[in-house]
Structure formats: C-alpha cells, structure tokens
Amino acid sequence: MKNDDKDLRKEIEDLEKLIAKVKQQNEEEKQKLKHSLPPTKRVVKINLGLDYSTDPIINLIVGFLINFILIFVIIRGLSLAETTNNYVYIILAALFTLYETIIKIYLFRNHQKLVIFSQGVIFFLANLIFFYLMDLVFMKETLAFVNYIYPMLFVFLFQLLRVIIKNLYALIIQKISIRLAKNHKSR
C-alpha cells in the first residue's frame, strides 16, 4: 500500500509540474501574440441616432429642449427667418421633435440598411423637407425664411450642432458613470 501511495504522490507531483509547464507555455504564447499583432487603430464614431436617455419621455423632453434652444439661437442669431412672435419657435420645436421621433422609429425599424448606408444623409433630407414644408405650407403666415438657401444652411448647422451636443452629452454621462462606479467600488 505504501508503494501505491508513493507512486500516486509522484504521479500527482509530475502532473502538477506538467500543468505548471503548460501554463508557462500559454503565457509565453500570449506574450508572443501580443507583440506580433499590429497596433489597433483608433476609430472615431459619431452616433447620429443617439438618444439622450433610455426612457422615451425623458428623451422627448430633453430632445425638445435642445431642439428649441438650437432652433431659436440659429434662426434668431443668424437672422435666417422672420417670425411673427417667439411662440413660433416653441411650436416649431415641438412639431419637429414629434416628427423626428416618428421618422427615427420608422426608419430604424423598417429601413435600417438605408439609415446605415446613408450615414445620416437621410435624416438631413428628412429634416430639410420638414423645414421647407413649415416655411412654405404649414406656417406661411408665422415663419418665413429670408431666401430659399437659408433652410439648407439652417438644417446643416442645426444637425451639426446637435451631433456635437449629443456626443458631448454621451461623453459626460459616460465619465460620470465611470466616476460613480469607482466611488461605489471604493466604499
């Protein structure tokens, strides 16, 4: 029996040595692979369909507020259009927020490839159609762009500023989340 125990212990020791040797070889191979792989390229990604929140109500409210502020600042700041009063901006922002939400839901559910392949141009065209319709059809008496080029300039600036604001918002929220997670772990 003692010989069997000694043989078993020796086999276990041999197995442990073999396992340690295999682990060491795995680590060496991992290091070789790390050094042989080309460095990864940094990719800057702009999410054109980014939402402010996962809660649809908060997303609508924040979207409306940002749309209102940008519409007001761009149109009034650059004198792109004439309006009868300032309430026009509130109505325009509310209608645009509703329109944009419906268009996004429809396009992302039914025509995802179109959205991806157009890289946001489809949203530019949809927004341009909206503001031309508001100017020429629905709000003729209350909103009038100074000339036919200004709606294009407005939509371009509007979308550019919204992409910047949305990405800054996402970056700030991400950093806050990381800080909160670190603080929570340290407790």
N, C-alpha and C. Protein backbone atom coordinates (compact mmCIF):
# COMPACT_ATOMS: atom_id res chain seq x y z
N MET A 1 0.80 -1.18 0.00
CA MET A 1 0.00 0.00 0.00
C MET A 1 0.85 1.26 0.00
N LYS A 2 1.98 1.20 0.75
CA LYS A 2 2.83 2.38 0.82
C LYS A 2 3.45 2.67 -0.53
N ASN A 3 3.78 1.66 -1.29
CA ASN A 3 4.33 1.86 -2.64
C ASN A 3 3.30 2.50 -3.55
N ASP A 4 2.05 2.07 -3.42
CA ASP A 4 0.99 2.64 -4.24
C ASP A 4 0.81 4.12 -3.91
N ASP A 5 0.86 4.48 -2.60
CA ASP A 5 0.73 5.88 -2.19
C ASP A 5 1.89 6.71 -2.71
N LYS A 6 3.10 6.14 -2.66
CA LYS A 6 4.27 6.86 -3.15
C LYS A 6 4.17 7.07 -4.66
N ASP A 7 3.73 6.03 -5.38
CA ASP A 7 3.58 6.14 -6.83
C ASP A 7 2.51 7.18 -7.18
N LEU A 8 1.42 7.16 -6.43
CA LEU A 8 0.33 8.11 -6.68
C LEU A 8 0.78 9.53 -6.41
N ARG A 9 1.52 9.74 -5.31
CA ARG A 9 2.03 11.07 -4.99
C ARG A 9 3.00 11.55 -6.06
N LYS A 10 3.84 10.64 -6.54
CA LYS A 10 4.80 11.01 -7.58
C LYS A 10 4.09 11.38 -8.87
N GLU A 11 3.05 10.64 -9.21
CA GLU A 11 2.27 10.95 -10.41
C GLU A 11 1.59 12.32 -10.28
N ILE A 12 1.06 12.58 -9.07
CA ILE A 12 0.41 13.88 -8.83
C ILE A 12 1.42 15.01 -8.95
N GLU A 13 2.59 14.82 -8.40
CA GLU A 13 3.65 15.84 -8.50
C GLU A 13 4.05 16.05 -9.95
N ASP A 14 4.17 14.95 -10.68
CA ASP A 14 4.51 15.06 -12.11
C ASP A 14 3.42 15.82 -12.87
N LEU A 15 2.17 15.52 -12.56
CA LEU A 15 1.06 16.22 -13.21
C LEU A 15 1.07 17.72 -12.87
N GLU A 16 1.34 18.04 -11.61
CA GLU A 16 1.41 19.45 -11.20
C GLU A 16 2.52 20.18 -11.93
N LYS A 17 3.68 19.50 -12.08
CA LYS A 17 4.78 20.10 -12.82
C LYS A 17 4.41 20.30 -14.29
N LEU A 18 3.72 19.32 -14.85
CA LEU A 18 3.30 19.40 -16.24
C LEU A 18 2.29 20.55 -16.43
N ILE A 19 1.36 20.67 -15.48
CA ILE A 19 0.36 21.74 -15.55
C ILE A 19 1.06 23.10 -15.45
N ALA A 20 2.01 23.22 -14.56
CA ALA A 20 2.75 24.48 -14.42
C ALA A 20 3.51 24.80 -15.71
N LYS A 21 4.09 23.77 -16.33
CA LYS A 21 4.83 23.97 -17.58
C LYS A 21 3.90 24.43 -18.71
N VAL A 22 2.71 23.83 -18.79
CA VAL A 22 1.72 24.21 -19.81
C VAL A 22 1.25 25.64 -19.58
N LYS A 23 1.02 26.02 -18.33
CA LYS A 23 0.61 27.40 -18.02
C LYS A 23 1.68 28.39 -18.46
N GLN A 24 2.93 28.04 -18.20
CA GLN A 24 4.04 28.91 -18.58
C GLN A 24 4.11 29.05 -20.10
N GLN A 25 3.93 27.94 -20.81
CA GLN A 25 3.94 27.98 -22.27
C GLN A 25 2.79 28.84 -22.81
N ASN A 26 1.61 28.71 -22.18
CA ASN A 26 0.47 29.54 -22.58
C ASN A 26 0.77 31.02 -22.40
N GLU A 27 1.35 31.39 -21.29
CA GLU A 27 1.71 32.78 -21.02
C GLU A 27 2.71 33.29 -22.06
N GLU A 28 3.70 32.46 -22.39
CA GLU A 28 4.69 32.85 -23.39
C GLU A 28 4.04 33.05 -24.75
N GLU A 29 3.11 32.17 -25.12
CA GLU A 29 2.41 32.31 -26.40
C GLU A 29 1.54 33.57 -26.43
N LYS A 30 0.89 33.86 -25.31
CA LYS A 30 0.09 35.09 -25.23
C LYS A 30 0.96 36.32 -25.43
N GLN A 31 2.12 36.32 -24.81
CA GLN A 31 3.04 37.46 -24.95
C GLN A 31 3.51 37.59 -26.40
N LYS A 32 3.82 36.46 -27.03
CA LYS A 32 4.24 36.49 -28.44
C LYS A 32 3.13 37.04 -29.32
N LEU A 33 1.89 36.60 -29.07
CA LEU A 33 0.76 37.08 -29.86
C LEU A 33 0.53 38.58 -29.66
N LYS A 34 0.67 39.04 -28.42
CA LYS A 34 0.50 40.47 -28.15
C LYS A 34 1.50 41.30 -28.93
N HIS A 35 2.74 40.84 -28.97
CA HIS A 35 3.78 41.60 -29.64
C HIS A 35 3.71 41.46 -31.16
N SER A 36 3.13 40.38 -31.66
CA SER A 36 3.08 40.18 -33.10
C SER A 36 1.88 40.86 -33.75
N LEU A 37 0.81 41.16 -32.96
CA LEU A 37 -0.37 41.81 -33.53
C LEU A 37 -0.07 43.27 -33.83
N PRO A 38 -0.60 43.76 -34.97
CA PRO A 38 -0.40 45.19 -35.27
C PRO A 38 -1.18 46.04 -34.27
N PRO A 39 -0.72 47.26 -34.01
CA PRO A 39 -1.44 48.12 -33.06
C PRO A 39 -2.83 48.45 -33.60
N THR A 40 -3.80 48.50 -32.71
CA THR A 40 -5.16 48.79 -33.13
C THR A 40 -5.30 50.27 -33.47
N LYS A 41 -6.10 50.55 -34.47
CA LYS A 41 -6.32 51.92 -34.89
C LYS A 41 -7.48 52.49 -34.09
N ARG A 42 -7.36 53.75 -33.74
CA ARG A 42 -8.45 54.42 -33.03
C ARG A 42 -9.50 54.83 -34.05
N VAL A 43 -10.74 54.58 -33.72
CA VAL A 43 -11.85 54.91 -34.59
C VAL A 43 -12.72 55.92 -33.88
N VAL A 44 -13.01 57.00 -34.57
CA VAL A 44 -13.92 58.00 -34.04
C VAL A 44 -15.29 57.69 -34.60
N LYS A 45 -16.24 57.46 -33.70
CA LYS A 45 -17.58 57.07 -34.11
C LYS A 45 -18.56 58.16 -33.68
N ILE A 46 -19.35 58.60 -34.63
CA ILE A 46 -20.39 59.57 -34.32
C ILE A 46 -21.72 58.87 -34.51
N ASN A 47 -22.49 58.81 -33.46
CA ASN A 47 -23.76 58.13 -33.48
C ASN A 47 -24.85 59.14 -33.81
N LEU A 48 -25.35 59.07 -35.05
CA LEU A 48 -26.34 60.05 -35.48
C LEU A 48 -27.72 59.79 -34.90
N GLY A 49 -27.98 58.56 -34.49
CA GLY A 49 -29.28 58.24 -33.93
C GLY A 49 -29.27 58.15 -32.42
N LEU A 50 -28.31 58.77 -31.81
CA LEU A 50 -28.13 58.69 -30.36
C LEU A 50 -29.31 59.30 -29.62
N ASP A 51 -29.75 58.60 -28.59
CA ASP A 51 -30.80 59.13 -27.73
C ASP A 51 -30.18 59.71 -26.48
N TYR A 52 -30.90 60.61 -25.85
CA TYR A 52 -30.41 61.22 -24.62
C TYR A 52 -30.61 60.30 -23.43
N SER A 53 -31.65 59.48 -23.50
CA SER A 53 -31.98 58.62 -22.38
C SER A 53 -32.68 57.37 -22.90
N THR A 54 -32.67 56.32 -22.09
CA THR A 54 -33.41 55.12 -22.48
C THR A 54 -34.90 55.27 -22.19
N ASP A 55 -35.25 56.21 -21.33
CA ASP A 55 -36.65 56.50 -21.04
C ASP A 55 -37.20 57.40 -22.15
N PRO A 56 -38.22 56.94 -22.89
CA PRO A 56 -38.72 57.74 -24.03
C PRO A 56 -39.27 59.11 -23.64
N ILE A 57 -39.87 59.22 -22.47
CA ILE A 57 -40.41 60.52 -22.04
C ILE A 57 -39.28 61.52 -21.79
N ILE A 58 -38.26 61.09 -21.06
CA ILE A 58 -37.11 61.97 -20.80
C ILE A 58 -36.42 62.31 -22.11
N ASN A 59 -36.31 61.33 -23.00
CA ASN A 59 -35.69 61.56 -24.30
C ASN A 59 -36.46 62.62 -25.08
N LEU A 60 -37.78 62.55 -25.08
CA LEU A 60 -38.60 63.55 -25.77
C LEU A 60 -38.43 64.94 -25.15
N ILE A 61 -38.44 65.00 -23.84
CA ILE A 61 -38.33 66.30 -23.16
C ILE A 61 -36.97 66.94 -23.43
N VAL A 62 -35.90 66.17 -23.23
CA VAL A 62 -34.55 66.71 -23.47
C VAL A 62 -34.38 67.05 -24.95
N GLY A 63 -34.88 66.18 -25.83
CA GLY A 63 -34.80 66.45 -27.27
C GLY A 63 -35.54 67.74 -27.63
N PHE A 64 -36.73 67.93 -27.06
CA PHE A 64 -37.49 69.15 -27.31
C PHE A 64 -36.72 70.38 -26.83
N LEU A 65 -36.17 70.31 -25.63
CA LEU A 65 -35.45 71.47 -25.09
C LEU A 65 -34.23 71.82 -25.96
N ILE A 66 -33.47 70.83 -26.35
CA ILE A 66 -32.30 71.09 -27.19
C ILE A 66 -32.72 71.60 -28.56
N ASN A 67 -33.77 70.98 -29.13
CA ASN A 67 -34.27 71.46 -30.42
C ASN A 67 -34.74 72.90 -30.33
N PHE A 68 -35.48 73.23 -29.28
CA PHE A 68 -35.97 74.59 -29.12
C PHE A 68 -34.82 75.58 -29.00
N ILE A 69 -33.86 75.26 -28.15
CA ILE A 69 -32.73 76.19 -27.95
C ILE A 69 -31.97 76.39 -29.25
N LEU A 70 -31.67 75.30 -29.94
CA LEU A 70 -30.90 75.43 -31.19
C LEU A 70 -31.68 76.13 -32.29
N ILE A 71 -32.96 75.81 -32.43
CA ILE A 71 -33.78 76.48 -33.45
C ILE A 71 -33.82 77.98 -33.16
N PHE A 72 -34.07 78.33 -31.92
CA PHE A 72 -34.15 79.74 -31.54
C PHE A 72 -32.81 80.45 -31.77
N VAL A 73 -31.72 79.86 -31.29
CA VAL A 73 -30.41 80.51 -31.38
C VAL A 73 -29.95 80.64 -32.83
N ILE A 74 -30.11 79.59 -33.62
CA ILE A 74 -29.63 79.64 -35.01
C ILE A 74 -30.46 80.61 -35.84
N ILE A 75 -31.78 80.50 -35.77
CA ILE A 75 -32.63 81.37 -36.59
C ILE A 75 -32.52 82.83 -36.16
N ARG A 76 -32.60 83.08 -34.85
CA ARG A 76 -32.51 84.46 -34.38
C ARG A 76 -31.09 85.01 -34.48
N GLY A 77 -30.12 84.18 -34.14
CA GLY A 77 -28.72 84.64 -34.14
C GLY A 77 -28.21 84.98 -35.52
N LEU A 78 -28.60 84.20 -36.52
CA LEU A 78 -28.13 84.45 -37.89
C LEU A 78 -29.17 85.16 -38.75
N SER A 79 -30.31 85.50 -38.17
CA SER A 79 -31.41 86.17 -38.88
C SER A 79 -31.77 85.42 -40.17
N LEU A 80 -32.00 84.13 -40.04
CA LEU A 80 -32.31 83.30 -41.21
C LEU A 80 -33.79 83.38 -41.60
N ALA A 81 -34.66 83.72 -40.63
CA ALA A 81 -36.09 83.75 -40.92
C ALA A 81 -36.76 84.86 -40.13
N GLU A 82 -37.92 85.21 -40.60
CA GLU A 82 -38.74 86.19 -39.90
C GLU A 82 -39.92 85.45 -39.28
N THR A 83 -40.22 85.79 -38.05
CA THR A 83 -41.35 85.17 -37.36
C THR A 83 -42.27 86.25 -36.80
N THR A 84 -43.53 85.87 -36.60
CA THR A 84 -44.49 86.84 -36.07
C THR A 84 -44.30 87.04 -34.57
N ASN A 85 -43.93 85.97 -33.85
CA ASN A 85 -43.66 86.08 -32.41
C ASN A 85 -42.74 84.93 -31.99
N ASN A 86 -42.34 84.95 -30.74
CA ASN A 86 -41.40 83.93 -30.25
C ASN A 86 -42.06 82.59 -29.97
N TYR A 87 -43.37 82.54 -29.88
CA TYR A 87 -44.06 81.27 -29.66
C TYR A 87 -43.92 80.34 -30.86
N VAL A 88 -43.61 80.90 -31.98
CA VAL A 88 -43.41 80.09 -33.19
C VAL A 88 -42.28 79.09 -32.98
N TYR A 89 -41.25 79.50 -32.27
CA TYR A 89 -40.11 78.62 -32.02
C TYR A 89 -40.50 77.42 -31.16
N ILE A 90 -41.37 77.66 -30.19
CA ILE A 90 -41.84 76.57 -29.33
C ILE A 90 -42.67 75.58 -30.15
N ILE A 91 -43.57 76.09 -30.95
CA ILE A 91 -44.41 75.24 -31.80
C ILE A 91 -43.54 74.47 -32.79
N LEU A 92 -42.60 75.18 -33.41
CA LEU A 92 -41.72 74.55 -34.38
C LEU A 92 -40.88 73.45 -33.74
N ALA A 93 -40.35 73.71 -32.55
CA ALA A 93 -39.54 72.70 -31.85
C ALA A 93 -40.39 71.51 -31.45
N ALA A 94 -41.60 71.74 -30.98
CA ALA A 94 -42.49 70.64 -30.58
C ALA A 94 -42.85 69.77 -31.79
N LEU A 95 -43.24 70.42 -32.89
CA LEU A 95 -43.58 69.68 -34.11
C LEU A 95 -42.37 68.91 -34.65
N PHE A 96 -41.21 69.56 -34.62
CA PHE A 96 -40.02 68.89 -35.14
C PHE A 96 -39.63 67.70 -34.26
N THR A 97 -39.72 67.85 -32.95
CA THR A 97 -39.37 66.75 -32.05
C THR A 97 -40.29 65.55 -32.29
N LEU A 98 -41.57 65.80 -32.44
CA LEU A 98 -42.52 64.74 -32.73
C LEU A 98 -42.24 64.10 -34.09
N TYR A 99 -42.04 64.94 -35.10
CA TYR A 99 -41.73 64.47 -36.45
C TYR A 99 -40.46 63.63 -36.46
N GLU A 100 -39.42 64.12 -35.81
CA GLU A 100 -38.14 63.43 -35.79
C GLU A 100 -38.26 62.07 -35.09
N THR A 101 -39.00 62.03 -34.00
CA THR A 101 -39.18 60.78 -33.27
C THR A 101 -39.90 59.75 -34.14
N ILE A 102 -40.94 60.16 -34.82
CA ILE A 102 -41.69 59.25 -35.69
C ILE A 102 -40.81 58.76 -36.84
N ILE A 103 -40.08 59.68 -37.47
CA ILE A 103 -39.20 59.30 -38.58
C ILE A 103 -38.11 58.33 -38.11
N LYS A 104 -37.49 58.61 -36.96
CA LYS A 104 -36.45 57.72 -36.45
C LYS A 104 -36.98 56.32 -36.18
N ILE A 105 -38.12 56.26 -35.49
CA ILE A 105 -38.71 54.95 -35.17
C ILE A 105 -39.01 54.19 -36.46
N TYR A 106 -39.64 54.86 -37.41
CA TYR A 106 -39.99 54.20 -38.67
C TYR A 106 -38.75 53.73 -39.42
N LEU A 107 -37.78 54.61 -39.59
CA LEU A 107 -36.59 54.25 -40.37
C LEU A 107 -35.75 53.18 -39.68
N PHE A 108 -35.58 53.28 -38.36
CA PHE A 108 -34.77 52.28 -37.67
C PHE A 108 -35.46 50.91 -37.62
N ARG A 109 -36.78 50.90 -37.60
CA ARG A 109 -37.48 49.61 -37.58
C ARG A 109 -37.60 48.99 -38.97
N ASN A 110 -37.88 49.80 -39.97
CA ASN A 110 -38.20 49.26 -41.29
C ASN A 110 -37.10 49.39 -42.33
N HIS A 111 -36.21 50.35 -42.17
CA HIS A 111 -35.20 50.60 -43.20
C HIS A 111 -33.83 50.84 -42.57
N GLN A 112 -33.39 49.92 -41.75
CA GLN A 112 -32.12 50.09 -41.05
C GLN A 112 -30.94 50.20 -42.01
N LYS A 113 -30.95 49.42 -43.08
CA LYS A 113 -29.86 49.47 -44.04
C LYS A 113 -29.77 50.85 -44.68
N LEU A 114 -30.90 51.43 -44.99
CA LEU A 114 -30.92 52.78 -45.58
C LEU A 114 -30.27 53.79 -44.64
N VAL A 115 -30.58 53.70 -43.36
CA VAL A 115 -30.01 54.62 -42.38
C VAL A 115 -28.50 54.42 -42.29
N ILE A 116 -28.07 53.17 -42.23
CA ILE A 116 -26.64 52.87 -42.09
C ILE A 116 -25.88 53.30 -43.34
N PHE A 117 -26.38 52.94 -44.50
CA PHE A 117 -25.66 53.24 -45.74
C PHE A 117 -25.70 54.72 -46.09
N SER A 118 -26.74 55.42 -45.67
CA SER A 118 -26.81 56.86 -46.00
C SER A 118 -25.95 57.69 -45.06
N GLN A 119 -25.54 57.12 -43.93
CA GLN A 119 -24.67 57.79 -42.96
C GLN A 119 -25.25 59.13 -42.50
N GLY A 120 -26.54 59.16 -42.32
CA GLY A 120 -27.17 60.36 -41.79
C GLY A 120 -27.73 61.31 -42.83
N VAL A 121 -27.42 61.08 -44.08
CA VAL A 121 -27.93 61.97 -45.13
C VAL A 121 -29.45 61.87 -45.21
N ILE A 122 -29.99 60.69 -44.92
CA ILE A 122 -31.44 60.52 -44.95
C ILE A 122 -32.11 61.42 -43.91
N PHE A 123 -31.48 61.58 -42.75
CA PHE A 123 -32.03 62.47 -41.72
C PHE A 123 -31.91 63.93 -42.14
N PHE A 124 -30.81 64.26 -42.80
CA PHE A 124 -30.64 65.63 -43.31
C PHE A 124 -31.76 65.95 -44.30
N LEU A 125 -32.01 65.04 -45.22
CA LEU A 125 -33.07 65.27 -46.21
C LEU A 125 -34.45 65.32 -45.56
N ALA A 126 -34.71 64.45 -44.62
CA ALA A 126 -36.00 64.46 -43.92
C ALA A 126 -36.19 65.77 -43.15
N ASN A 127 -35.14 66.24 -42.49
CA ASN A 127 -35.23 67.50 -41.75
C ASN A 127 -35.39 68.68 -42.70
N LEU A 128 -34.71 68.63 -43.82
CA LEU A 128 -34.84 69.69 -44.81
C LEU A 128 -36.26 69.76 -45.35
N ILE A 129 -36.84 68.60 -45.64
CA ILE A 129 -38.23 68.57 -46.11
C ILE A 129 -39.16 69.16 -45.04
N PHE A 130 -38.94 68.79 -43.79
CA PHE A 130 -39.77 69.31 -42.70
C PHE A 130 -39.73 70.84 -42.65
N PHE A 131 -38.54 71.42 -42.66
CA PHE A 131 -38.44 72.87 -42.52
C PHE A 131 -38.92 73.61 -43.77
N TYR A 132 -38.73 73.02 -44.94
CA TYR A 132 -39.31 73.63 -46.14
C TYR A 132 -40.83 73.59 -46.08
N LEU A 133 -41.40 72.46 -45.63
CA LEU A 133 -42.86 72.37 -45.50
C LEU A 133 -43.39 73.37 -44.48
N MET A 134 -42.68 73.53 -43.37
CA MET A 134 -43.11 74.50 -42.37
C MET A 134 -43.08 75.92 -42.96
N ASP A 135 -42.04 76.21 -43.71
CA ASP A 135 -41.87 77.54 -44.30
C ASP A 135 -42.89 77.81 -45.40
N LEU A 136 -43.08 76.86 -46.29
CA LEU A 136 -43.87 77.11 -47.50
C LEU A 136 -45.33 76.69 -47.42
N VAL A 137 -45.66 75.77 -46.51
CA VAL A 137 -47.02 75.24 -46.49
C VAL A 137 -47.75 75.51 -45.18
N PHE A 138 -47.21 75.01 -44.07
CA PHE A 138 -47.96 75.00 -42.83
C PHE A 138 -47.86 76.28 -42.00
N MET A 139 -46.73 76.95 -42.04
CA MET A 139 -46.56 78.15 -41.23
C MET A 139 -46.27 79.36 -42.11
N LYS A 140 -46.98 79.47 -43.20
CA LYS A 140 -46.73 80.57 -44.14
C LYS A 140 -46.83 81.94 -43.49
N GLU A 141 -47.80 82.10 -42.64
CA GLU A 141 -48.07 83.40 -42.03
C GLU A 141 -47.15 83.71 -40.85
N THR A 142 -46.61 82.68 -40.19
CA THR A 142 -45.86 82.91 -38.96
C THR A 142 -44.36 82.72 -39.09
N LEU A 143 -43.92 81.95 -40.09
CA LEU A 143 -42.48 81.69 -40.27
C LEU A 143 -42.14 81.84 -41.74
N ALA A 144 -41.12 82.63 -42.03
CA ALA A 144 -40.69 82.80 -43.42
C ALA A 144 -39.17 82.93 -43.46
N PHE A 145 -38.51 81.92 -44.05
CA PHE A 145 -37.08 82.04 -44.25
C PHE A 145 -36.83 83.14 -45.26
N VAL A 146 -35.73 83.86 -45.09
CA VAL A 146 -35.45 85.03 -45.90
C VAL A 146 -35.27 84.66 -47.37
N ASN A 147 -34.58 83.56 -47.66
CA ASN A 147 -34.49 83.07 -49.04
C ASN A 147 -34.48 81.55 -49.05
N TYR A 148 -34.44 80.96 -50.21
CA TYR A 148 -34.58 79.51 -50.34
C TYR A 148 -33.32 78.74 -49.91
N ILE A 149 -32.19 79.40 -49.79
CA ILE A 149 -30.94 78.75 -49.36
C ILE A 149 -30.89 78.62 -47.83
N TYR A 150 -31.50 79.55 -47.12
CA TYR A 150 -31.39 79.57 -45.66
C TYR A 150 -31.92 78.32 -44.96
N PRO A 151 -32.98 77.69 -45.44
CA PRO A 151 -33.38 76.44 -44.77
C PRO A 151 -32.29 75.36 -44.85
N MET A 152 -31.57 75.29 -45.97
CA MET A 152 -30.48 74.31 -46.09
C MET A 152 -29.35 74.65 -45.12
N LEU A 153 -29.00 75.93 -45.04
CA LEU A 153 -27.97 76.36 -44.11
C LEU A 153 -28.40 76.09 -42.67
N PHE A 154 -29.66 76.40 -42.38
CA PHE A 154 -30.18 76.15 -41.04
C PHE A 154 -30.11 74.67 -40.67
N VAL A 155 -30.60 73.80 -41.55
CA VAL A 155 -30.62 72.36 -41.25
C VAL A 155 -29.21 71.83 -41.09
N PHE A 156 -28.29 72.29 -41.92
CA PHE A 156 -26.89 71.85 -41.80
C PHE A 156 -26.32 72.24 -40.44
N LEU A 157 -26.46 73.51 -40.07
CA LEU A 157 -25.95 73.98 -38.77
C LEU A 157 -26.68 73.30 -37.61
N PHE A 158 -27.97 73.15 -37.75
CA PHE A 158 -28.79 72.53 -36.72
C PHE A 158 -28.33 71.10 -36.45
N GLN A 159 -28.15 70.32 -37.50
CA GLN A 159 -27.72 68.93 -37.33
C GLN A 159 -26.29 68.84 -36.82
N LEU A 160 -25.43 69.69 -37.32
CA LEU A 160 -24.04 69.69 -36.87
C LEU A 160 -23.96 69.98 -35.37
N LEU A 161 -24.65 71.00 -34.93
CA LEU A 161 -24.63 71.36 -33.51
C LEU A 161 -25.29 70.28 -32.64
N ARG A 162 -26.35 69.66 -33.15
CA ARG A 162 -27.00 68.60 -32.38
C ARG A 162 -26.08 67.38 -32.24
N VAL A 163 -25.36 67.02 -33.27
CA VAL A 163 -24.42 65.90 -33.19
C VAL A 163 -23.34 66.20 -32.16
N ILE A 164 -22.83 67.42 -32.19
CA ILE A 164 -21.81 67.81 -31.22
C ILE A 164 -22.38 67.75 -29.80
N ILE A 165 -23.55 68.31 -29.59
CA ILE A 165 -24.17 68.33 -28.27
C ILE A 165 -24.47 66.91 -27.79
N LYS A 166 -25.03 66.07 -28.67
CA LYS A 166 -25.36 64.70 -28.27
C LYS A 166 -24.12 63.91 -27.90
N ASN A 167 -23.06 64.07 -28.66
CA ASN A 167 -21.83 63.33 -28.35
C ASN A 167 -21.16 63.86 -27.09
N LEU A 168 -21.19 65.17 -26.87
CA LEU A 168 -20.68 65.72 -25.60
C LEU A 168 -21.51 65.22 -24.43
N TYR A 169 -22.80 65.18 -24.60
CA TYR A 169 -23.71 64.68 -23.57
C TYR A 169 -23.38 63.22 -23.24
N ALA A 170 -23.20 62.39 -24.28
CA ALA A 170 -22.87 60.97 -24.06
C ALA A 170 -21.52 60.83 -23.37
N LEU A 171 -20.55 61.64 -23.76
CA LEU A 171 -19.23 61.59 -23.15
C LEU A 171 -19.29 61.99 -21.68
N ILE A 172 -20.02 63.04 -21.37
CA ILE A 172 -20.15 63.49 -19.98
C ILE A 172 -20.86 62.44 -19.14
N ILE A 173 -21.94 61.87 -19.65
CA ILE A 173 -22.68 60.84 -18.92
C ILE A 173 -21.79 59.62 -18.69
N GLN A 174 -21.00 59.26 -19.69
CA GLN A 174 -20.09 58.11 -19.55
C GLN A 174 -19.06 58.37 -18.45
N LYS A 175 -18.47 59.56 -18.44
CA LYS A 175 -17.48 59.89 -17.41
C LYS A 175 -18.10 59.92 -16.02
N ILE A 176 -19.30 60.45 -15.92
CA ILE A 176 -20.00 60.47 -14.63
C ILE A 176 -20.28 59.04 -14.16
N SER A 177 -20.70 58.19 -15.07
CA SER A 177 -20.98 56.79 -14.73
C SER A 177 -19.72 56.08 -14.25
N ILE A 178 -18.61 56.34 -14.90
CA ILE A 178 -17.34 55.71 -14.50
C ILE A 178 -16.95 56.19 -13.11
N ARG A 179 -17.08 57.49 -12.85
CA ARG A 179 -16.74 58.02 -11.53
C ARG A 179 -17.64 57.44 -10.45
N LEU A 180 -18.93 57.35 -10.75
CA LEU A 180 -19.86 56.78 -9.77
C LEU A 180 -19.53 55.32 -9.51
N ALA A 181 -19.17 54.58 -10.54
CA ALA A 181 -18.82 53.17 -10.36
C ALA A 181 -17.54 53.04 -9.52
N LYS A 182 -16.55 53.90 -9.77
CA LYS A 182 -15.32 53.86 -8.98
C LYS A 182 -15.61 54.21 -7.52
N ASN A 183 -16.42 55.23 -7.28
CA ASN A 183 -16.78 55.62 -5.92
C ASN A 183 -17.55 54.51 -5.22
N HIS A 184 -18.42 53.84 -5.96
CA HIS A 184 -19.21 52.77 -5.38
C HIS A 184 -18.31 51.58 -5.01
N LYS A 185 -17.30 51.28 -5.82
CA LYS A 185 -16.38 50.18 -5.55
C LYS A 185 -15.50 50.48 -4.35
N SER A 186 -15.11 51.74 -4.19
CA SER A 186 -14.21 52.10 -3.09
C SER A 186 -14.90 52.06 -1.73
N ARG A 187 -16.20 52.05 -1.70
CA ARG A 187 -16.95 52.01 -0.43
C ARG A 187 -16.99 50.65 0.08
